[in-house]
mmCIF file of all heavy atoms, coordinates in Angstrom:
data_MODEL
# 
_entry.id   MODEL 
# 
loop_
_atom_site.group_PDB 
_atom_site.id 
_atom_site.type_symbol 
_atom_site.label_atom_id 
_atom_site.label_alt_id 
_atom_site.label_comp_id 
_atom_site.label_asym_id 
_atom_site.label_entity_id 
_atom_site.label_seq_id 
_atom_site.pdbx_PDB_ins_code 
_atom_site.Cartn_x 
_atom_site.Cartn_y 
_atom_site.Cartn_z 
_atom_site.occupancy 
_atom_site.B_iso_or_equiv 
_atom_site.pdbx_formal_charge 
_atom_site.auth_seq_id 
_atom_site.auth_comp_id 
_atom_site.auth_asym_id 
_atom_site.auth_atom_id 
_atom_site.pdbx_PDB_model_num 
ATOM 1   N N   . MET A 1 1  ? -28.776 95.917 -8.662  1.00 0.00 ? 1  MET A N   1 
ATOM 2   C CA  . MET A 1 1  ? -29.399 94.551 -8.393  1.00 0.00 ? 1  MET A CA  1 
ATOM 3   C C   . MET A 1 1  ? -30.815 94.693 -8.788  1.00 0.00 ? 1  MET A C   1 
ATOM 4   O O   . MET A 1 1  ? -31.521 95.693 -8.687  1.00 0.00 ? 1  MET A O   1 
ATOM 5   C CB  . MET A 1 1  ? -29.239 94.345 -6.940  1.00 0.00 ? 1  MET A CB  1 
ATOM 6   C CG  . MET A 1 1  ? -27.831 94.137 -6.424  1.00 0.00 ? 1  MET A CG  1 
ATOM 7   S SD  . MET A 1 1  ? -27.075 92.556 -7.026  1.00 0.00 ? 1  MET A SD  1 
ATOM 8   C CE  . MET A 1 1  ? -25.424 92.865 -6.296  1.00 0.00 ? 1  MET A CE  1 
ATOM 9   N N   . PRO A 1 2  ? -31.389 93.534 -9.265  1.00 0.00 ? 2  PRO A N   1 
ATOM 10  C CA  . PRO A 1 2  ? -30.704 92.215 -9.642  1.00 0.00 ? 2  PRO A CA  1 
ATOM 11  C C   . PRO A 1 2  ? -29.932 92.373 -10.900 1.00 0.00 ? 2  PRO A C   1 
ATOM 12  O O   . PRO A 1 2  ? -30.145 93.339 -11.703 1.00 0.00 ? 2  PRO A O   1 
ATOM 13  C CB  . PRO A 1 2  ? -31.874 91.283 -9.770  1.00 0.00 ? 2  PRO A CB  1 
ATOM 14  C CG  . PRO A 1 2  ? -32.999 92.069 -10.269 1.00 0.00 ? 2  PRO A CG  1 
ATOM 15  C CD  . PRO A 1 2  ? -32.862 93.357 -9.533  1.00 0.00 ? 2  PRO A CD  1 
ATOM 16  N N   . PHE A 1 3  ? -28.953 91.586 -11.099 1.00 0.00 ? 3  PHE A N   1 
ATOM 17  C CA  . PHE A 1 3  ? -28.101 91.602 -12.282 1.00 0.00 ? 3  PHE A CA  1 
ATOM 18  C C   . PHE A 1 3  ? -28.862 91.197 -13.482 1.00 0.00 ? 3  PHE A C   1 
ATOM 19  O O   . PHE A 1 3  ? -29.562 90.088 -13.467 1.00 0.00 ? 3  PHE A O   1 
ATOM 20  C CB  . PHE A 1 3  ? -26.843 90.543 -12.182 1.00 0.00 ? 3  PHE A CB  1 
ATOM 21  C CG  . PHE A 1 3  ? -25.933 90.956 -11.148 1.00 0.00 ? 3  PHE A CG  1 
ATOM 22  C CD1 . PHE A 1 3  ? -25.122 89.999 -10.470 1.00 0.00 ? 3  PHE A CD1 1 
ATOM 23  C CD2 . PHE A 1 3  ? -25.643 92.363 -10.761 1.00 0.00 ? 3  PHE A CD2 1 
ATOM 24  C CE1 . PHE A 1 3  ? -24.220 90.348 -9.458  1.00 0.00 ? 3  PHE A CE1 1 
ATOM 25  C CE2 . PHE A 1 3  ? -24.653 92.706 -9.821  1.00 0.00 ? 3  PHE A CE2 1 
ATOM 26  C CZ  . PHE A 1 3  ? -23.954 91.641 -9.152  1.00 0.00 ? 3  PHE A CZ  1 
ATOM 27  N N   . SER A 1 4  ? -29.009 91.982 -14.457 1.00 0.00 ? 4  SER A N   1 
ATOM 28  C CA  . SER A 1 4  ? -29.620 91.657 -15.695 1.00 0.00 ? 4  SER A CA  1 
ATOM 29  C C   . SER A 1 4  ? -28.652 91.363 -16.831 1.00 0.00 ? 4  SER A C   1 
ATOM 30  O O   . SER A 1 4  ? -27.532 91.931 -16.871 1.00 0.00 ? 4  SER A O   1 
ATOM 31  C CB  . SER A 1 4  ? -30.490 92.815 -16.173 1.00 0.00 ? 4  SER A CB  1 
ATOM 32  O OG  . SER A 1 4  ? -31.020 92.651 -17.512 1.00 0.00 ? 4  SER A OG  1 
ATOM 33  N N   . ALA A 1 5  ? -28.950 90.348 -17.655 1.00 0.00 ? 5  ALA A N   1 
ATOM 34  C CA  . ALA A 1 5  ? -28.132 90.016 -18.729 1.00 0.00 ? 5  ALA A CA  1 
ATOM 35  C C   . ALA A 1 5  ? -27.876 91.183 -19.780 1.00 0.00 ? 5  ALA A C   1 
ATOM 36  O O   . ALA A 1 5  ? -27.003 91.135 -20.570 1.00 0.00 ? 5  ALA A O   1 
ATOM 37  C CB  . ALA A 1 5  ? -28.634 88.791 -19.472 1.00 0.00 ? 5  ALA A CB  1 
ATOM 38  N N   . SER A 1 6  ? -28.662 92.123 -19.567 1.00 0.00 ? 6  SER A N   1 
ATOM 39  C CA  . SER A 1 6  ? -28.558 93.388 -20.461 1.00 0.00 ? 6  SER A CA  1 
ATOM 40  C C   . SER A 1 6  ? -27.628 94.514 -19.746 1.00 0.00 ? 6  SER A C   1 
ATOM 41  O O   . SER A 1 6  ? -27.467 95.540 -20.391 1.00 0.00 ? 6  SER A O   1 
ATOM 42  C CB  . SER A 1 6  ? -29.844 93.958 -20.795 1.00 0.00 ? 6  SER A CB  1 
ATOM 43  O OG  . SER A 1 6  ? -30.583 93.098 -21.615 1.00 0.00 ? 6  SER A OG  1 
ATOM 44  N N   . ASP A 1 7  ? -27.159 94.244 -18.560 1.00 0.00 ? 7  ASP A N   1 
ATOM 45  C CA  . ASP A 1 7  ? -26.292 95.122 -17.912 1.00 0.00 ? 7  ASP A CA  1 
ATOM 46  C C   . ASP A 1 7  ? -24.845 95.114 -18.538 1.00 0.00 ? 7  ASP A C   1 
ATOM 47  O O   . ASP A 1 7  ? -24.519 94.120 -19.131 1.00 0.00 ? 7  ASP A O   1 
ATOM 48  C CB  . ASP A 1 7  ? -26.109 94.816 -16.422 1.00 0.00 ? 7  ASP A CB  1 
ATOM 49  C CG  . ASP A 1 7  ? -27.321 95.051 -15.582 1.00 0.00 ? 7  ASP A CG  1 
ATOM 50  O OD1 . ASP A 1 7  ? -28.203 95.802 -16.124 1.00 0.00 ? 7  ASP A OD1 1 
ATOM 51  O OD2 . ASP A 1 7  ? -27.578 94.533 -14.492 1.00 0.00 ? 7  ASP A OD2 1 
ATOM 52  N N   . ASN A 1 8  ? -24.079 96.328 -18.294 1.00 0.00 ? 8  ASN A N   1 
ATOM 53  C CA  . ASN A 1 8  ? -22.777 96.220 -18.747 1.00 0.00 ? 8  ASN A CA  1 
ATOM 54  C C   . ASN A 1 8  ? -21.976 95.414 -17.906 1.00 0.00 ? 8  ASN A C   1 
ATOM 55  O O   . ASN A 1 8  ? -22.074 95.322 -16.555 1.00 0.00 ? 8  ASN A O   1 
ATOM 56  C CB  . ASN A 1 8  ? -22.345 97.782 -18.557 1.00 0.00 ? 8  ASN A CB  1 
ATOM 57  C CG  . ASN A 1 8  ? -20.876 97.986 -18.939 1.00 0.00 ? 8  ASN A CG  1 
ATOM 58  O OD1 . ASN A 1 8  ? -19.987 97.536 -18.251 1.00 0.00 ? 8  ASN A OD1 1 
ATOM 59  N ND2 . ASN A 1 8  ? -20.600 98.519 -20.108 1.00 0.00 ? 8  ASN A ND2 1 
ATOM 60  N N   . VAL A 1 9  ? -21.016 94.676 -18.478 1.00 0.00 ? 9  VAL A N   1 
ATOM 61  C CA  . VAL A 1 9  ? -20.236 93.749 -17.632 1.00 0.00 ? 9  VAL A CA  1 
ATOM 62  C C   . VAL A 1 9  ? -18.659 93.954 -18.052 1.00 0.00 ? 9  VAL A C   1 
ATOM 63  O O   . VAL A 1 9  ? -18.036 93.002 -18.240 1.00 0.00 ? 9  VAL A O   1 
ATOM 64  C CB  . VAL A 1 9  ? -20.513 92.302 -17.875 1.00 0.00 ? 9  VAL A CB  1 
ATOM 65  C CG1 . VAL A 1 9  ? -21.804 91.897 -17.119 1.00 0.00 ? 9  VAL A CG1 1 
ATOM 66  C CG2 . VAL A 1 9  ? -20.600 91.919 -19.290 1.00 0.00 ? 9  VAL A CG2 1 
ATOM 67  N N   . ASP A 1 10 ? -18.304 95.201 -18.158 1.00 0.00 ? 10 ASP A N   1 
ATOM 68  C CA  . ASP A 1 10 ? -16.982 95.538 -18.581 1.00 0.00 ? 10 ASP A CA  1 
ATOM 69  C C   . ASP A 1 10 ? -15.965 95.819 -17.440 1.00 0.00 ? 10 ASP A C   1 
ATOM 70  O O   . ASP A 1 10 ? -14.876 96.194 -17.631 1.00 0.00 ? 10 ASP A O   1 
ATOM 71  C CB  . ASP A 1 10 ? -16.969 96.919 -19.386 1.00 0.00 ? 10 ASP A CB  1 
ATOM 72  C CG  . ASP A 1 10 ? -17.595 96.635 -20.752 1.00 0.00 ? 10 ASP A CG  1 
ATOM 73  O OD1 . ASP A 1 10 ? -17.689 95.454 -21.157 1.00 0.00 ? 10 ASP A OD1 1 
ATOM 74  O OD2 . ASP A 1 10 ? -18.153 97.596 -21.387 1.00 0.00 ? 10 ASP A OD2 1 
ATOM 75  N N   . HIS A 1 11 ? -16.348 95.480 -16.181 1.00 0.00 ? 11 HIS A N   1 
ATOM 76  C CA  . HIS A 1 11 ? -15.483 95.644 -14.966 1.00 0.00 ? 11 HIS A CA  1 
ATOM 77  C C   . HIS A 1 11 ? -15.319 94.409 -14.189 1.00 0.00 ? 11 HIS A C   1 
ATOM 78  O O   . HIS A 1 11 ? -15.656 94.421 -12.945 1.00 0.00 ? 11 HIS A O   1 
ATOM 79  C CB  . HIS A 1 11 ? -16.041 96.833 -14.237 1.00 0.00 ? 11 HIS A CB  1 
ATOM 80  C CG  . HIS A 1 11 ? -16.021 98.127 -15.024 1.00 0.00 ? 11 HIS A CG  1 
ATOM 81  N ND1 . HIS A 1 11 ? -17.201 98.500 -15.670 1.00 0.00 ? 11 HIS A ND1 1 
ATOM 82  C CD2 . HIS A 1 11 ? -15.155 99.092 -15.257 1.00 0.00 ? 11 HIS A CD2 1 
ATOM 83  C CE1 . HIS A 1 11 ? -16.932 99.678 -16.362 1.00 0.00 ? 11 HIS A CE1 1 
ATOM 84  N NE2 . HIS A 1 11 ? -15.706 99.938 -16.054 1.00 0.00 ? 11 HIS A NE2 1 
ATOM 85  N N   . PRO A 1 12 ? -14.801 93.378 -14.668 1.00 0.00 ? 12 PRO A N   1 
ATOM 86  C CA  . PRO A 1 12 ? -14.553 92.113 -13.908 1.00 0.00 ? 12 PRO A CA  1 
ATOM 87  C C   . PRO A 1 12 ? -13.500 92.338 -12.850 1.00 0.00 ? 12 PRO A C   1 
ATOM 88  O O   . PRO A 1 12 ? -12.582 93.301 -13.113 1.00 0.00 ? 12 PRO A O   1 
ATOM 89  C CB  . PRO A 1 12 ? -14.153 90.983 -14.885 1.00 0.00 ? 12 PRO A CB  1 
ATOM 90  C CG  . PRO A 1 12 ? -13.571 91.829 -16.034 1.00 0.00 ? 12 PRO A CG  1 
ATOM 91  C CD  . PRO A 1 12 ? -14.360 93.134 -16.088 1.00 0.00 ? 12 PRO A CD  1 
ATOM 92  N N   . ILE A 1 13 ? -13.500 91.672 -11.814 1.00 0.00 ? 13 ILE A N   1 
ATOM 93  C CA  . ILE A 1 13 ? -12.423 91.818 -10.693 1.00 0.00 ? 13 ILE A CA  1 
ATOM 94  C C   . ILE A 1 13 ? -11.665 90.550 -10.402 1.00 0.00 ? 13 ILE A C   1 
ATOM 95  O O   . ILE A 1 13 ? -11.092 90.449 -9.374  1.00 0.00 ? 13 ILE A O   1 
ATOM 96  C CB  . ILE A 1 13 ? -13.079 92.414 -9.435  1.00 0.00 ? 13 ILE A CB  1 
ATOM 97  C CG1 . ILE A 1 13 ? -14.162 91.554 -8.875  1.00 0.00 ? 13 ILE A CG1 1 
ATOM 98  C CG2 . ILE A 1 13 ? -13.563 93.855 -9.744  1.00 0.00 ? 13 ILE A CG2 1 
ATOM 99  C CD1 . ILE A 1 13 ? -14.604 92.016 -7.533  1.00 0.00 ? 13 ILE A CD1 1 
ATOM 100 N N   . SER A 1 14 ? -11.696 89.489 -11.304 1.00 0.00 ? 14 SER A N   1 
ATOM 101 C CA  . SER A 1 14 ? -10.871 88.398 -11.222 1.00 0.00 ? 14 SER A CA  1 
ATOM 102 C C   . SER A 1 14 ? -10.520 87.843 -12.611 1.00 0.00 ? 14 SER A C   1 
ATOM 103 O O   . SER A 1 14 ? -11.332 88.222 -13.591 1.00 0.00 ? 14 SER A O   1 
ATOM 104 C CB  . SER A 1 14 ? -11.535 87.275 -10.474 1.00 0.00 ? 14 SER A CB  1 
ATOM 105 O OG  . SER A 1 14 ? -12.613 86.746 -11.125 1.00 0.00 ? 14 SER A OG  1 
ATOM 106 N N   . LEU A 1 15 ? -9.358  87.222 -12.745 1.00 0.00 ? 15 LEU A N   1 
ATOM 107 C CA  . LEU A 1 15 ? -9.075  86.600 -14.039 1.00 0.00 ? 15 LEU A CA  1 
ATOM 108 C C   . LEU A 1 15 ? -10.106 85.595 -14.503 1.00 0.00 ? 15 LEU A C   1 
ATOM 109 O O   . LEU A 1 15 ? -10.415 85.538 -15.730 1.00 0.00 ? 15 LEU A O   1 
ATOM 110 C CB  . LEU A 1 15 ? -7.659  86.089 -14.106 1.00 0.00 ? 15 LEU A CB  1 
ATOM 111 C CG  . LEU A 1 15 ? -7.170  85.585 -15.542 1.00 0.00 ? 15 LEU A CG  1 
ATOM 112 C CD1 . LEU A 1 15 ? -7.055  86.784 -16.394 1.00 0.00 ? 15 LEU A CD1 1 
ATOM 113 C CD2 . LEU A 1 15 ? -5.889  84.914 -15.334 1.00 0.00 ? 15 LEU A CD2 1 
ATOM 114 N N   . TYR A 1 16 ? -10.769 84.935 -13.577 1.00 0.00 ? 16 TYR A N   1 
ATOM 115 C CA  . TYR A 1 16 ? -11.664 83.934 -13.934 1.00 0.00 ? 16 TYR A CA  1 
ATOM 116 C C   . TYR A 1 16 ? -12.896 84.620 -14.631 1.00 0.00 ? 16 TYR A C   1 
ATOM 117 O O   . TYR A 1 16 ? -13.349 84.164 -15.631 1.00 0.00 ? 16 TYR A O   1 
ATOM 118 C CB  . TYR A 1 16 ? -12.226 83.228 -12.664 1.00 0.00 ? 16 TYR A CB  1 
ATOM 119 C CG  . TYR A 1 16 ? -13.429 82.331 -12.852 1.00 0.00 ? 16 TYR A CG  1 
ATOM 120 C CD1 . TYR A 1 16 ? -13.325 81.202 -13.608 1.00 0.00 ? 16 TYR A CD1 1 
ATOM 121 C CD2 . TYR A 1 16 ? -14.588 82.719 -12.255 1.00 0.00 ? 16 TYR A CD2 1 
ATOM 122 C CE1 . TYR A 1 16 ? -14.557 80.434 -13.916 1.00 0.00 ? 16 TYR A CE1 1 
ATOM 123 C CE2 . TYR A 1 16 ? -15.762 81.937 -12.456 1.00 0.00 ? 16 TYR A CE2 1 
ATOM 124 C CZ  . TYR A 1 16 ? -15.696 80.858 -13.320 1.00 0.00 ? 16 TYR A CZ  1 
ATOM 125 O OH  . TYR A 1 16 ? -16.809 80.123 -13.544 1.00 0.00 ? 16 TYR A OH  1 
ATOM 126 N N   . ALA A 1 17 ? -13.324 85.688 -13.943 1.00 0.00 ? 17 ALA A N   1 
ATOM 127 C CA  . ALA A 1 17 ? -14.439 86.470 -14.487 1.00 0.00 ? 17 ALA A CA  1 
ATOM 128 C C   . ALA A 1 17 ? -14.105 86.931 -15.891 1.00 0.00 ? 17 ALA A C   1 
ATOM 129 O O   . ALA A 1 17 ? -14.904 87.058 -16.801 1.00 0.00 ? 17 ALA A O   1 
ATOM 130 C CB  . ALA A 1 17 ? -14.829 87.640 -13.609 1.00 0.00 ? 17 ALA A CB  1 
ATOM 131 N N   . ALA A 1 18 ? -12.910 87.556 -16.029 1.00 0.00 ? 18 ALA A N   1 
ATOM 132 C CA  . ALA A 1 18 ? -12.454 88.111 -17.242 1.00 0.00 ? 18 ALA A CA  1 
ATOM 133 C C   . ALA A 1 18 ? -12.393 87.021 -18.417 1.00 0.00 ? 18 ALA A C   1 
ATOM 134 O O   . ALA A 1 18 ? -12.766 87.310 -19.488 1.00 0.00 ? 18 ALA A O   1 
ATOM 135 C CB  . ALA A 1 18 ? -11.058 88.783 -17.133 1.00 0.00 ? 18 ALA A CB  1 
ATOM 136 N N   . SER A 1 19 ? -12.020 85.866 -18.054 1.00 0.00 ? 19 SER A N   1 
ATOM 137 C CA  . SER A 1 19 ? -11.986 84.748 -18.983 1.00 0.00 ? 19 SER A CA  1 
ATOM 138 C C   . SER A 1 19 ? -13.343 84.358 -19.446 1.00 0.00 ? 19 SER A C   1 
ATOM 139 O O   . SER A 1 19 ? -13.603 83.964 -20.649 1.00 0.00 ? 19 SER A O   1 
ATOM 140 C CB  . SER A 1 19 ? -11.230 83.568 -18.487 1.00 0.00 ? 19 SER A CB  1 
ATOM 141 O OG  . SER A 1 19 ? -12.049 82.827 -17.476 1.00 0.00 ? 19 SER A OG  1 
ATOM 142 N N   . LYS A 1 20 ? -14.318 84.464 -18.620 1.00 0.00 ? 20 LYS A N   1 
ATOM 143 C CA  . LYS A 1 20 ? -15.789 84.152 -18.908 1.00 0.00 ? 20 LYS A CA  1 
ATOM 144 C C   . LYS A 1 20 ? -16.307 85.311 -19.771 1.00 0.00 ? 20 LYS A C   1 
ATOM 145 O O   . LYS A 1 20 ? -17.091 84.963 -20.729 1.00 0.00 ? 20 LYS A O   1 
ATOM 146 C CB  . LYS A 1 20 ? -16.649 83.946 -17.650 1.00 0.00 ? 20 LYS A CB  1 
ATOM 147 C CG  . LYS A 1 20 ? -16.264 82.590 -16.877 1.00 0.00 ? 20 LYS A CG  1 
ATOM 148 C CD  . LYS A 1 20 ? -16.513 81.367 -17.834 1.00 0.00 ? 20 LYS A CD  1 
ATOM 149 C CE  . LYS A 1 20 ? -16.253 80.082 -17.188 1.00 0.00 ? 20 LYS A CE  1 
ATOM 150 N NZ  . LYS A 1 20 ? -16.569 79.000 -18.127 1.00 0.00 ? 20 LYS A NZ  1 
ATOM 151 N N   . LYS A 1 21 ? -15.981 86.547 -19.462 1.00 0.00 ? 21 LYS A N   1 
ATOM 152 C CA  . LYS A 1 21 ? -16.428 87.572 -20.341 1.00 0.00 ? 21 LYS A CA  1 
ATOM 153 C C   . LYS A 1 21 ? -15.834 87.467 -21.646 1.00 0.00 ? 21 LYS A C   1 
ATOM 154 O O   . LYS A 1 21 ? -16.457 87.667 -22.776 1.00 0.00 ? 21 LYS A O   1 
ATOM 155 C CB  . LYS A 1 21 ? -15.989 89.004 -19.740 1.00 0.00 ? 21 LYS A CB  1 
ATOM 156 C CG  . LYS A 1 21 ? -15.962 90.186 -20.633 1.00 0.00 ? 21 LYS A CG  1 
ATOM 157 C CD  . LYS A 1 21 ? -17.387 90.525 -20.964 1.00 0.00 ? 21 LYS A CD  1 
ATOM 158 C CE  . LYS A 1 21 ? -17.457 91.945 -21.675 1.00 0.00 ? 21 LYS A CE  1 
ATOM 159 N NZ  . LYS A 1 21 ? -18.723 92.358 -22.259 1.00 0.00 ? 21 LYS A NZ  1 
ATOM 160 N N   . ALA A 1 22 ? -14.453 87.032 -21.779 1.00 0.00 ? 22 ALA A N   1 
ATOM 161 C CA  . ALA A 1 22 ? -13.870 86.744 -23.094 1.00 0.00 ? 22 ALA A CA  1 
ATOM 162 C C   . ALA A 1 22 ? -14.588 85.709 -23.899 1.00 0.00 ? 22 ALA A C   1 
ATOM 163 O O   . ALA A 1 22 ? -14.737 85.797 -25.118 1.00 0.00 ? 22 ALA A O   1 
ATOM 164 C CB  . ALA A 1 22 ? -12.398 86.295 -22.836 1.00 0.00 ? 22 ALA A CB  1 
ATOM 165 N N   . ASN A 1 23 ? -15.095 84.657 -23.210 1.00 0.00 ? 23 ASN A N   1 
ATOM 166 C CA  . ASN A 1 23 ? -15.760 83.603 -23.863 1.00 0.00 ? 23 ASN A CA  1 
ATOM 167 C C   . ASN A 1 23 ? -17.116 84.133 -24.697 1.00 0.00 ? 23 ASN A C   1 
ATOM 168 O O   . ASN A 1 23 ? -17.398 83.880 -25.725 1.00 0.00 ? 23 ASN A O   1 
ATOM 169 C CB  . ASN A 1 23 ? -16.265 82.556 -22.920 1.00 0.00 ? 23 ASN A CB  1 
ATOM 170 C CG  . ASN A 1 23 ? -15.255 81.706 -22.430 1.00 0.00 ? 23 ASN A CG  1 
ATOM 171 O OD1 . ASN A 1 23 ? -15.351 80.862 -21.469 1.00 0.00 ? 23 ASN A OD1 1 
ATOM 172 N ND2 . ASN A 1 23 ? -13.961 81.755 -23.052 1.00 0.00 ? 23 ASN A ND2 1 
ATOM 173 N N   . GLU A 1 24 ? -17.724 85.061 -23.826 1.00 0.00 ? 24 GLU A N   1 
ATOM 174 C CA  . GLU A 1 24 ? -18.952 85.739 -24.444 1.00 0.00 ? 24 GLU A CA  1 
ATOM 175 C C   . GLU A 1 24 ? -18.630 86.619 -25.628 1.00 0.00 ? 24 GLU A C   1 
ATOM 176 O O   . GLU A 1 24 ? -19.255 86.618 -26.693 1.00 0.00 ? 24 GLU A O   1 
ATOM 177 C CB  . GLU A 1 24 ? -19.618 86.611 -23.378 1.00 0.00 ? 24 GLU A CB  1 
ATOM 178 C CG  . GLU A 1 24 ? -20.199 85.789 -22.240 1.00 0.00 ? 24 GLU A CG  1 
ATOM 179 C CD  . GLU A 1 24 ? -20.832 86.672 -21.108 1.00 0.00 ? 24 GLU A CD  1 
ATOM 180 O OE1 . GLU A 1 24 ? -20.913 87.987 -21.331 1.00 0.00 ? 24 GLU A OE1 1 
ATOM 181 O OE2 . GLU A 1 24 ? -21.232 86.163 -20.131 1.00 0.00 ? 24 GLU A OE2 1 
ATOM 182 N N   . LEU A 1 25 ? -17.450 87.248 -25.609 1.00 0.00 ? 25 LEU A N   1 
ATOM 183 C CA  . LEU A 1 25 ? -17.052 88.182 -26.692 1.00 0.00 ? 25 LEU A CA  1 
ATOM 184 C C   . LEU A 1 25 ? -16.621 87.243 -27.944 1.00 0.00 ? 25 LEU A C   1 
ATOM 185 O O   . LEU A 1 25 ? -17.040 87.582 -29.052 1.00 0.00 ? 25 LEU A O   1 
ATOM 186 C CB  . LEU A 1 25 ? -15.880 89.035 -26.214 1.00 0.00 ? 25 LEU A CB  1 
ATOM 187 C CG  . LEU A 1 25 ? -16.116 90.110 -25.262 1.00 0.00 ? 25 LEU A CG  1 
ATOM 188 C CD1 . LEU A 1 25 ? -14.797 90.668 -24.750 1.00 0.00 ? 25 LEU A CD1 1 
ATOM 189 C CD2 . LEU A 1 25 ? -17.151 91.050 -25.751 1.00 0.00 ? 25 LEU A CD2 1 
ATOM 190 N N   . MET A 1 26 ? -15.862 86.240 -27.635 1.00 0.00 ? 26 MET A N   1 
ATOM 191 C CA  . MET A 1 26 ? -15.498 85.316 -28.698 1.00 0.00 ? 26 MET A CA  1 
ATOM 192 C C   . MET A 1 26 ? -16.682 84.635 -29.367 1.00 0.00 ? 26 MET A C   1 
ATOM 193 O O   . MET A 1 26 ? -16.713 84.454 -30.585 1.00 0.00 ? 26 MET A O   1 
ATOM 194 C CB  . MET A 1 26 ? -14.485 84.192 -28.136 1.00 0.00 ? 26 MET A CB  1 
ATOM 195 C CG  . MET A 1 26 ? -13.122 84.884 -27.837 1.00 0.00 ? 26 MET A CG  1 
ATOM 196 S SD  . MET A 1 26 ? -11.939 83.641 -27.469 1.00 0.00 ? 26 MET A SD  1 
ATOM 197 C CE  . MET A 1 26 ? -12.445 83.201 -25.726 1.00 0.00 ? 26 MET A CE  1 
ATOM 198 N N   . ALA A 1 27 ? -17.659 84.234 -28.486 1.00 0.00 ? 27 ALA A N   1 
ATOM 199 C CA  . ALA A 1 27 ? -18.846 83.511 -29.076 1.00 0.00 ? 27 ALA A CA  1 
ATOM 200 C C   . ALA A 1 27 ? -19.731 84.510 -29.917 1.00 0.00 ? 27 ALA A C   1 
ATOM 201 O O   . ALA A 1 27 ? -20.101 84.105 -30.970 1.00 0.00 ? 27 ALA A O   1 
ATOM 202 C CB  . ALA A 1 27 ? -19.779 83.117 -27.880 1.00 0.00 ? 27 ALA A CB  1 
ATOM 203 N N   . HIS A 1 28 ? -19.726 85.834 -29.599 1.00 0.00 ? 28 HIS A N   1 
ATOM 204 C CA  . HIS A 1 28 ? -20.422 86.672 -30.487 1.00 0.00 ? 28 HIS A CA  1 
ATOM 205 C C   . HIS A 1 28 ? -19.679 86.876 -31.821 1.00 0.00 ? 28 HIS A C   1 
ATOM 206 O O   . HIS A 1 28 ? -20.323 86.891 -32.840 1.00 0.00 ? 28 HIS A O   1 
ATOM 207 C CB  . HIS A 1 28 ? -20.547 88.148 -29.917 1.00 0.00 ? 28 HIS A CB  1 
ATOM 208 C CG  . HIS A 1 28 ? -21.271 89.055 -30.725 1.00 0.00 ? 28 HIS A CG  1 
ATOM 209 N ND1 . HIS A 1 28 ? -20.700 89.933 -31.601 1.00 0.00 ? 28 HIS A ND1 1 
ATOM 210 C CD2 . HIS A 1 28 ? -22.581 89.277 -30.761 1.00 0.00 ? 28 HIS A CD2 1 
ATOM 211 C CE1 . HIS A 1 28 ? -21.557 90.665 -32.177 1.00 0.00 ? 28 HIS A CE1 1 
ATOM 212 N NE2 . HIS A 1 28 ? -22.779 90.213 -31.811 1.00 0.00 ? 28 HIS A NE2 1 
# 
């Protein structure tokens, strides 16, 4: 903490979170 946008986000714990991580990957 605090969460930085430069932190690793490879461990989501809900499908909602995983879908948002997927959006970031697709956008890139």
